[in-house]
Amino acid sequence: MQQLNFQVQDDIAQAIREQAGQCGKTVSEFLAELVASKVHPVWTTHYQTRILGGRRGESPQRPEQMPAEQRDAW
């Protein structure tokens, strides 16, 4: 695994530490996930908005099942 070093302003560093702590992660874990999501996203923005968030209207309802004796035999 490679180690990368970069510099940020003090206020940004503090915000990163706070966000990492809120997520229950180390700063290194938090930054690695953040960078990976930008460099190699698993789900693209298009997929997230068009597919996952694309359903409109009421949720589909499952019809009531018929009693067992009225079902077709296998």
PDB file of N, CA and C in Angstrom:
ATOM      1  N   MET A   1       0.844  -1.166   0.000  1.00  0.00           N
ATOM      2  CA  MET A   1       0.000   0.000   0.000  1.00  0.00           C
ATOM      3  C   MET A   1       0.894   1.235   0.000  1.00  0.00           C
ATOM      4  N   GLN A   2       0.549   2.197  -0.800  1.00  0.00           N
ATOM      5  CA  GLN A   2       1.332   3.425  -0.910  1.00  0.00           C
ATOM      6  C   GLN A   2       0.921   4.435   0.166  1.00  0.00           C
ATOM      7  N   GLN A   3       1.868   5.243   0.555  1.00  0.00           N
ATOM      8  CA  GLN A   3       1.595   6.325   1.481  1.00  0.00           C
ATOM      9  C   GLN A   3       1.741   7.625   0.717  1.00  0.00           C
ATOM     10  N   LEU A   4       0.752   8.500   0.813  1.00  0.00           N
ATOM     11  CA  LEU A   4       0.778   9.801   0.153  1.00  0.00           C
ATOM     12  C   LEU A   4       0.747  10.891   1.218  1.00  0.00           C
ATOM     13  N   ASN A   5       1.491  11.947   0.989  1.00  0.00           N
ATOM     14  CA  ASN A   5       1.519  13.084   1.908  1.00  0.00           C
ATOM     15  C   ASN A   5       1.092  14.333   1.167  1.00  0.00           C
ATOM     16  N   PHE A   6       0.273  15.154   1.817  1.00  0.00           N
ATOM     17  CA  PHE A   6      -0.108  16.433   1.240  1.00  0.00           C
ATOM     18  C   PHE A   6      -0.394  17.406   2.371  1.00  0.00           C
ATOM     19  N   GLN A   7      -0.415  18.673   2.013  1.00  0.00           N
ATOM     20  CA  GLN A   7      -0.613  19.712   3.014  1.00  0.00           C
ATOM     21  C   GLN A   7      -1.954  20.400   2.797  1.00  0.00           C
ATOM     22  N   VAL A   8      -2.606  20.709   3.912  1.00  0.00           N
ATOM     23  CA  VAL A   8      -3.860  21.471   3.874  1.00  0.00           C
ATOM     24  C   VAL A   8      -3.792  22.553   4.939  1.00  0.00           C
ATOM     25  N   GLN A   9      -4.650  23.524   4.815  1.00  0.00           N
ATOM     26  CA  GLN A   9      -4.710  24.595   5.806  1.00  0.00           C
ATOM     27  C   GLN A   9      -5.179  24.027   7.140  1.00  0.00           C
ATOM     28  N   ASP A  10      -4.827  24.705   8.216  1.00  0.00           N
ATOM     29  CA  ASP A  10      -5.146  24.228   9.563  1.00  0.00           C
ATOM     30  C   ASP A  10      -6.638  24.003   9.766  1.00  0.00           C
ATOM     31  N   ASP A  11      -7.467  24.913   9.282  1.00  0.00           N
ATOM     32  CA  ASP A  11      -8.907  24.772   9.492  1.00  0.00           C
ATOM     33  C   ASP A  11      -9.471  23.568   8.728  1.00  0.00           C
ATOM     34  N   ILE A  12      -8.911  23.278   7.571  1.00  0.00           N
ATOM     35  CA  ILE A  12      -9.340  22.111   6.808  1.00  0.00           C
ATOM     36  C   ILE A  12      -8.892  20.834   7.517  1.00  0.00           C
ATOM     37  N   ALA A  13      -7.679  20.836   8.049  1.00  0.00           N
ATOM     38  CA  ALA A  13      -7.179  19.670   8.789  1.00  0.00           C
ATOM     39  C   ALA A  13      -8.070  19.376   9.990  1.00  0.00           C
ATOM     40  N   GLN A  14      -8.485  20.400  10.684  1.00  0.00           N
ATOM     41  CA  GLN A  14      -9.357  20.223  11.846  1.00  0.00           C
ATOM     42  C   GLN A  14     -10.715  19.670  11.420  1.00  0.00           C
ATOM     43  N   ALA A  15     -11.249  20.182  10.316  1.00  0.00           N
ATOM     44  CA  ALA A  15     -12.536  19.691   9.814  1.00  0.00           C
ATOM     45  C   ALA A  15     -12.428  18.218   9.407  1.00  0.00           C
ATOM     46  N   ILE A  16     -11.315  17.831   8.813  1.00  0.00           N
ATOM     47  CA  ILE A  16     -11.093  16.427   8.428  1.00  0.00           C
ATOM     48  C   ILE A  16     -11.063  15.546   9.672  1.00  0.00           C
ATOM     49  N   ARG A  17     -10.351  15.977  10.703  1.00  0.00           N
ATOM     50  CA  ARG A  17     -10.291  15.202  11.948  1.00  0.00           C
ATOM     51  C   ARG A  17     -11.681  15.036  12.560  1.00  0.00           C
ATOM     52  N   GLU A  18     -12.460  16.109  12.556  1.00  0.00           N
ATOM     53  CA  GLU A  18     -13.806  16.056  13.126  1.00  0.00           C
ATOM     54  C   GLU A  18     -14.710  15.107  12.335  1.00  0.00           C
ATOM     55  N   GLN A  19     -14.675  15.216  11.014  1.00  0.00           N
ATOM     56  CA  GLN A  19     -15.499  14.341  10.170  1.00  0.00           C
ATOM     57  C   GLN A  19     -15.102  12.880  10.344  1.00  0.00           C
ATOM     58  N   ALA A  20     -13.813  12.613  10.395  1.00  0.00           N
ATOM     59  CA  ALA A  20     -13.339  11.244  10.588  1.00  0.00           C
ATOM     60  C   ALA A  20     -13.832  10.695  11.926  1.00  0.00           C
ATOM     61  N   GLY A  21     -13.735  11.506  12.965  1.00  0.00           N
ATOM     62  CA  GLY A  21     -14.197  11.091  14.285  1.00  0.00           C
ATOM     63  C   GLY A  21     -15.687  10.807  14.315  1.00  0.00           C
ATOM     64  N   GLN A  22     -16.471  11.625  13.632  1.00  0.00           N
ATOM     65  CA  GLN A  22     -17.918  11.416  13.580  1.00  0.00           C
ATOM     66  C   GLN A  22     -18.270  10.119  12.853  1.00  0.00           C
ATOM     67  N   CYS A  23     -17.425   9.720  11.935  1.00  0.00           N
ATOM     68  CA  CYS A  23     -17.653   8.474  11.182  1.00  0.00           C
ATOM     69  C   CYS A  23     -17.050   7.268  11.899  1.00  0.00           C
ATOM     70  N   GLY A  24     -16.333   7.516  12.998  1.00  0.00           N
ATOM     71  CA  GLY A  24     -15.695   6.420  13.725  1.00  0.00           C
ATOM     72  C   GLY A  24     -14.497   5.849  12.992  1.00  0.00           C
ATOM     73  N   LYS A  25     -13.830   6.695  12.220  1.00  0.00           N
ATOM     74  CA  LYS A  25     -12.679   6.245  11.433  1.00  0.00           C
ATOM     75  C   LYS A  25     -11.451   7.056  11.806  1.00  0.00           C
ATOM     76  N   THR A  26     -10.293   6.494  11.489  1.00  0.00           N
ATOM     77  CA  THR A  26      -9.072   7.270  11.638  1.00  0.00           C
ATOM     78  C   THR A  26      -9.032   8.280  10.491  1.00  0.00           C
ATOM     79  N   VAL A  27      -8.198   9.271  10.623  1.00  0.00           N
ATOM     80  CA  VAL A  27      -8.048  10.264   9.553  1.00  0.00           C
ATOM     81  C   VAL A  27      -7.594   9.569   8.269  1.00  0.00           C
ATOM     82  N   SER A  28      -6.676   8.630   8.401  1.00  0.00           N
ATOM     83  CA  SER A  28      -6.174   7.914   7.231  1.00  0.00           C
ATOM     84  C   SER A  28      -7.297   7.130   6.542  1.00  0.00           C
ATOM     85  N   GLU A  29      -8.110   6.416   7.311  1.00  0.00           N
ATOM     86  CA  GLU A  29      -9.229   5.662   6.735  1.00  0.00           C
ATOM     87  C   GLU A  29     -10.227   6.593   6.053  1.00  0.00           C
ATOM     88  N   PHE A  30     -10.536   7.681   6.737  1.00  0.00           N
ATOM     89  CA  PHE A  30     -11.500   8.646   6.209  1.00  0.00           C
ATOM     90  C   PHE A  30     -11.020   9.231   4.886  1.00  0.00           C
ATOM     91  N   LEU A  31      -9.765   9.664   4.846  1.00  0.00           N
ATOM     92  CA  LEU A  31      -9.225  10.261   3.620  1.00  0.00           C
ATOM     93  C   LEU A  31      -9.101   9.235   2.499  1.00  0.00           C
ATOM     94  N   ALA A  32      -8.716   8.008   2.844  1.00  0.00           N
ATOM     95  CA  ALA A  32      -8.600   6.974   1.816  1.00  0.00           C
ATOM     96  C   ALA A  32      -9.957   6.710   1.157  1.00  0.00           C
ATOM     97  N   GLU A  33     -11.030   6.633   1.955  1.00  0.00           N
ATOM     98  CA  GLU A  33     -12.367   6.424   1.393  1.00  0.00           C
ATOM     99  C   GLU A  33     -12.820   7.624   0.580  1.00  0.00           C
ATOM    100  N   LEU A  34     -12.520   8.810   1.070  1.00  0.00           N
ATOM    101  CA  LEU A  34     -12.914  10.028   0.373  1.00  0.00           C
ATOM    102  C   LEU A  34     -12.240  10.117  -0.995  1.00  0.00           C
ATOM    103  N   VAL A  35     -10.950   9.870  -1.022  1.00  0.00           N
ATOM    104  CA  VAL A  35     -10.199   9.926  -2.287  1.00  0.00           C
ATOM    105  C   VAL A  35     -10.665   8.816  -3.223  1.00  0.00           C
ATOM    106  N   ALA A  36     -10.833   7.606  -2.702  1.00  0.00           N
ATOM    107  CA  ALA A  36     -11.261   6.486  -3.545  1.00  0.00           C
ATOM    108  C   ALA A  36     -12.622   6.753  -4.173  1.00  0.00           C
ATOM    109  N   SER A  37     -13.515   7.391  -3.431  1.00  0.00           N
ATOM    110  CA  SER A  37     -14.852   7.667  -3.976  1.00  0.00           C
ATOM    111  C   SER A  37     -14.800   8.669  -5.124  1.00  0.00           C
ATOM    112  N   LYS A  38     -13.797   9.511  -5.132  1.00  0.00           N
ATOM    113  CA  LYS A  38     -13.653  10.490  -6.220  1.00  0.00           C
ATOM    114  C   LYS A  38     -12.855   9.946  -7.390  1.00  0.00           C
ATOM    115  N   VAL A  39     -11.853   9.135  -7.104  1.00  0.00           N
ATOM    116  CA  VAL A  39     -10.964   8.627  -8.145  1.00  0.00           C
ATOM    117  C   VAL A  39     -11.535   7.380  -8.811  1.00  0.00           C
ATOM    118  N   HIS A  40     -12.140   6.509  -8.007  1.00  0.00           N
ATOM    119  CA  HIS A  40     -12.648   5.240  -8.537  1.00  0.00           C
ATOM    120  C   HIS A  40     -14.013   4.941  -7.910  1.00  0.00           C
ATOM    121  N   PRO A  41     -15.034   5.694  -8.306  1.00  0.00           N
ATOM    122  CA  PRO A  41     -16.342   5.495  -7.680  1.00  0.00           C
ATOM    123  C   PRO A  41     -16.950   4.146  -8.069  1.00  0.00           C
ATOM    124  N   VAL A  42     -17.585   3.513  -7.115  1.00  0.00           N
ATOM    125  CA  VAL A  42     -18.247   2.240  -7.370  1.00  0.00           C
ATOM    126  C   VAL A  42     -19.540   2.499  -8.133  1.00  0.00           C
ATOM    127  N   TRP A  43     -20.317   3.449  -7.670  1.00  0.00           N
ATOM    128  CA  TRP A  43     -21.554   3.827  -8.338  1.00  0.00           C
ATOM    129  C   TRP A  43     -21.382   5.246  -8.853  1.00  0.00           C
ATOM    130  N   THR A  44     -21.596   5.446 -10.120  1.00  0.00           N
ATOM    131  CA  THR A  44     -21.463   6.778 -10.690  1.00  0.00           C
ATOM    132  C   THR A  44     -22.631   7.644 -10.242  1.00  0.00           C
ATOM    133  N   THR A  45     -22.470   8.936 -10.364  1.00  0.00           N
ATOM    134  CA  THR A  45     -23.541   9.864 -10.019  1.00  0.00           C
ATOM    135  C   THR A  45     -24.771   9.583 -10.869  1.00  0.00           C
ATOM    136  N   HIS A  46     -24.570   9.264 -12.147  1.00  0.00           N
ATOM    137  CA  HIS A  46     -25.690   8.949 -13.025  1.00  0.00           C
ATOM    138  C   HIS A  46     -26.474   7.754 -12.482  1.00  0.00           C
ATOM    139  N   TYR A  47     -25.773   6.713 -12.067  1.00  0.00           N
ATOM    140  CA  TYR A  47     -26.439   5.528 -11.529  1.00  0.00           C
ATOM    141  C   TYR A  47     -27.220   5.878 -10.270  1.00  0.00           C
ATOM    142  N   GLN A  48     -26.619   6.659  -9.402  1.00  0.00           N
ATOM    143  CA  GLN A  48     -27.275   6.995  -8.144  1.00  0.00           C
ATOM    144  C   GLN A  48     -28.531   7.827  -8.355  1.00  0.00           C
ATOM    145  N   THR A  49     -28.494   8.764  -9.292  1.00  0.00           N
ATOM    146  CA  THR A  49     -29.649   9.636  -9.481  1.00  0.00           C
ATOM    147  C   THR A  49     -30.691   9.040 -10.409  1.00  0.00           C
ATOM    148  N   ARG A  50     -30.273   8.337 -11.445  1.00  0.00           N
ATOM    149  CA  ARG A  50     -31.215   7.793 -12.431  1.00  0.00           C
ATOM    150  C   ARG A  50     -31.795   6.451 -12.020  1.00  0.00           C
ATOM    151  N   ILE A  51     -31.007   5.623 -11.389  1.00  0.00           N
ATOM    152  CA  ILE A  51     -31.474   4.286 -11.051  1.00  0.00           C
ATOM    153  C   ILE A  51     -31.956   4.229  -9.600  1.00  0.00           C
ATOM    154  N   LEU A  52     -31.096   4.530  -8.655  1.00  0.00           N
ATOM    155  CA  LEU A  52     -31.484   4.428  -7.253  1.00  0.00           C
ATOM    156  C   LEU A  52     -32.540   5.460  -6.869  1.00  0.00           C
ATOM    157  N   GLY A  53     -32.403   6.673  -7.358  1.00  0.00           N
ATOM    158  CA  GLY A  53     -33.350   7.715  -6.999  1.00  0.00           C
ATOM    159  C   GLY A  53     -34.359   8.005  -8.087  1.00  0.00           C
ATOM    160  N   GLY A  54     -34.441   7.125  -9.076  1.00  0.00           N
ATOM    161  CA  GLY A  54     -35.258   7.409 -10.248  1.00  0.00           C
ATOM    162  C   GLY A  54     -36.719   7.035 -10.147  1.00  0.00           C
ATOM    163  N   ARG A  55     -37.117   6.220  -9.169  1.00  0.00           N
ATOM    164  CA  ARG A  55     -38.509   5.817  -9.075  1.00  0.00           C
ATOM    165  C   ARG A  55     -39.354   6.985  -8.594  1.00  0.00           C
ATOM    166  N   ARG A  56     -40.466   7.185  -9.260  1.00  0.00           N
ATOM    167  CA  ARG A  56     -41.359   8.274  -8.877  1.00  0.00           C
ATOM    168  C   ARG A  56     -42.720   7.693  -8.511  1.00  0.00           C
ATOM    169  N   GLY A  57     -43.461   8.451  -7.742  1.00  0.00           N
ATOM    170  CA  GLY A  57     -44.802   8.013  -7.381  1.00  0.00           C
ATOM    171  C   GLY A  57     -44.804   7.125  -6.152  1.00  0.00           C
ATOM    172  N   GLU A  58     -45.955   6.488  -5.939  1.00  0.00           N
ATOM    173  CA  GLU A  58     -46.117   5.646  -4.764  1.00  0.00           C
ATOM    174  C   GLU A  58     -45.304   4.363  -4.897  1.00  0.00           C
ATOM    175  N   SER A  59     -44.978   3.799  -3.762  1.00  0.00           N
ATOM    176  CA  SER A  59     -44.259   2.531  -3.756  1.00  0.00           C
ATOM    177  C   SER A  59     -45.156   1.438  -4.314  1.00  0.00           C
ATOM    178  N   PRO A  60     -44.569   0.493  -5.041  1.00  0.00           N
ATOM    179  CA  PRO A  60     -45.386  -0.606  -5.544  1.00  0.00           C
ATOM    180  C   PRO A  60     -45.929  -1.451  -4.393  1.00  0.00           C
ATOM    181  N   GLN A  61     -47.138  -1.954  -4.564  1.00  0.00           N
ATOM    182  CA  GLN A  61     -47.766  -2.771  -3.537  1.00  0.00           C
ATOM    183  C   GLN A  61     -47.851  -4.212  -4.009  1.00  0.00           C
ATOM    184  N   ARG A  62     -47.520  -5.129  -3.144  1.00  0.00           N
ATOM    185  CA  ARG A  62     -47.612  -6.548  -3.467  1.00  0.00           C
ATOM    186  C   ARG A  62     -49.056  -6.983  -3.250  1.00  0.00           C
ATOM    187  N   PRO A  63     -49.660  -7.669  -4.234  1.00  0.00           N
ATOM    188  CA  PRO A  63     -51.037  -8.131  -4.039  1.00  0.00           C
ATOM    189  C   PRO A  63     -51.094  -9.210  -2.967  1.00  0.00           C
ATOM    190  N   GLU A  64     -52.256  -9.349  -2.357  1.00  0.00           N
ATOM    191  CA  GLU A  64     -52.417 -10.383  -1.340  1.00  0.00           C
ATOM    192  C   GLU A  64     -52.269 -11.748  -1.986  1.00  0.00           C
ATOM    193  N   GLN A  65     -51.655 -12.659  -1.268  1.00  0.00           N
ATOM    194  CA  GLN A  65     -51.487 -14.001  -1.796  1.00  0.00           C
ATOM    195  C   GLN A  65     -52.773 -14.785  -1.618  1.00  0.00           C
ATOM    196  N   MET A  66     -53.020 -15.637  -2.581  1.00  0.00           N
ATOM    197  CA  MET A  66     -54.207 -16.476  -2.519  1.00  0.00           C
ATOM    198  C   MET A  66     -53.962 -17.584  -1.506  1.00  0.00           C
ATOM    199  N   PRO A  67     -55.033 -18.118  -0.931  1.00  0.00           N
ATOM    200  CA  PRO A  67     -54.850 -19.253  -0.019  1.00  0.00           C
ATOM    201  C   PRO A  67     -54.177 -20.414  -0.750  1.00  0.00           C
ATOM    202  N   ALA A  68     -53.476 -21.237  -0.018  1.00  0.00           N
ATOM    203  CA  ALA A  68     -52.690 -22.322  -0.603  1.00  0.00           C
ATOM    204  C   ALA A  68     -53.529 -23.248  -1.470  1.00  0.00           C
ATOM    205  N   GLU A  69     -54.756 -23.532  -1.093  1.00  0.00           N
ATOM    206  CA  GLU A  69     -55.559 -24.480  -1.858  1.00  0.00           C
ATOM    207  C   GLU A  69     -56.008 -23.921  -3.211  1.00  0.00           C
ATOM    208  N   GLN A  70     -55.890 -22.620  -3.426  1.00  0.00           N
ATOM    209  CA  GLN A  70     -56.293 -22.034  -4.707  1.00  0.00           C
ATOM    210  C   GLN A  70     -55.108 -21.829  -5.647  1.00  0.00           C
ATOM    211  N   ARG A  71     -53.920 -22.123  -5.206  1.00  0.00           N
ATOM    212  CA  ARG A  71     -52.751 -21.947  -6.037  1.00  0.00           C
ATOM    213  C   ARG A  71     -52.641 -23.087  -7.045  1.00  0.00           C
ATOM    214  N   ASP A  72     -51.960 -22.837  -8.124  1.00  0.00           N
ATOM    215  CA  ASP A  72     -51.703 -23.894  -9.095  1.00  0.00           C
ATOM    216  C   ASP A  72     -50.752 -24.910  -8.507  1.00  0.00           C
ATOM    217  N   ALA A  73     -50.949 -26.149  -8.845  1.00  0.00           N
ATOM    218  CA  ALA A  73     -50.054 -27.210  -8.366  1.00  0.00           C
ATOM    219  C   ALA A  73     -48.717 -27.124  -9.107  1.00  0.00           C
ATOM    220  N   TRP A  74     -47.688 -27.524  -8.433  1.00  0.00           N
ATOM    221  CA  TRP A  74     -46.369 -27.525  -9.067  1.00  0.00           C
ATOM    222  C   TRP A  74     -46.260 -28.764  -9.808  1.00  0.00           C
TER     223      TRP A  74
END
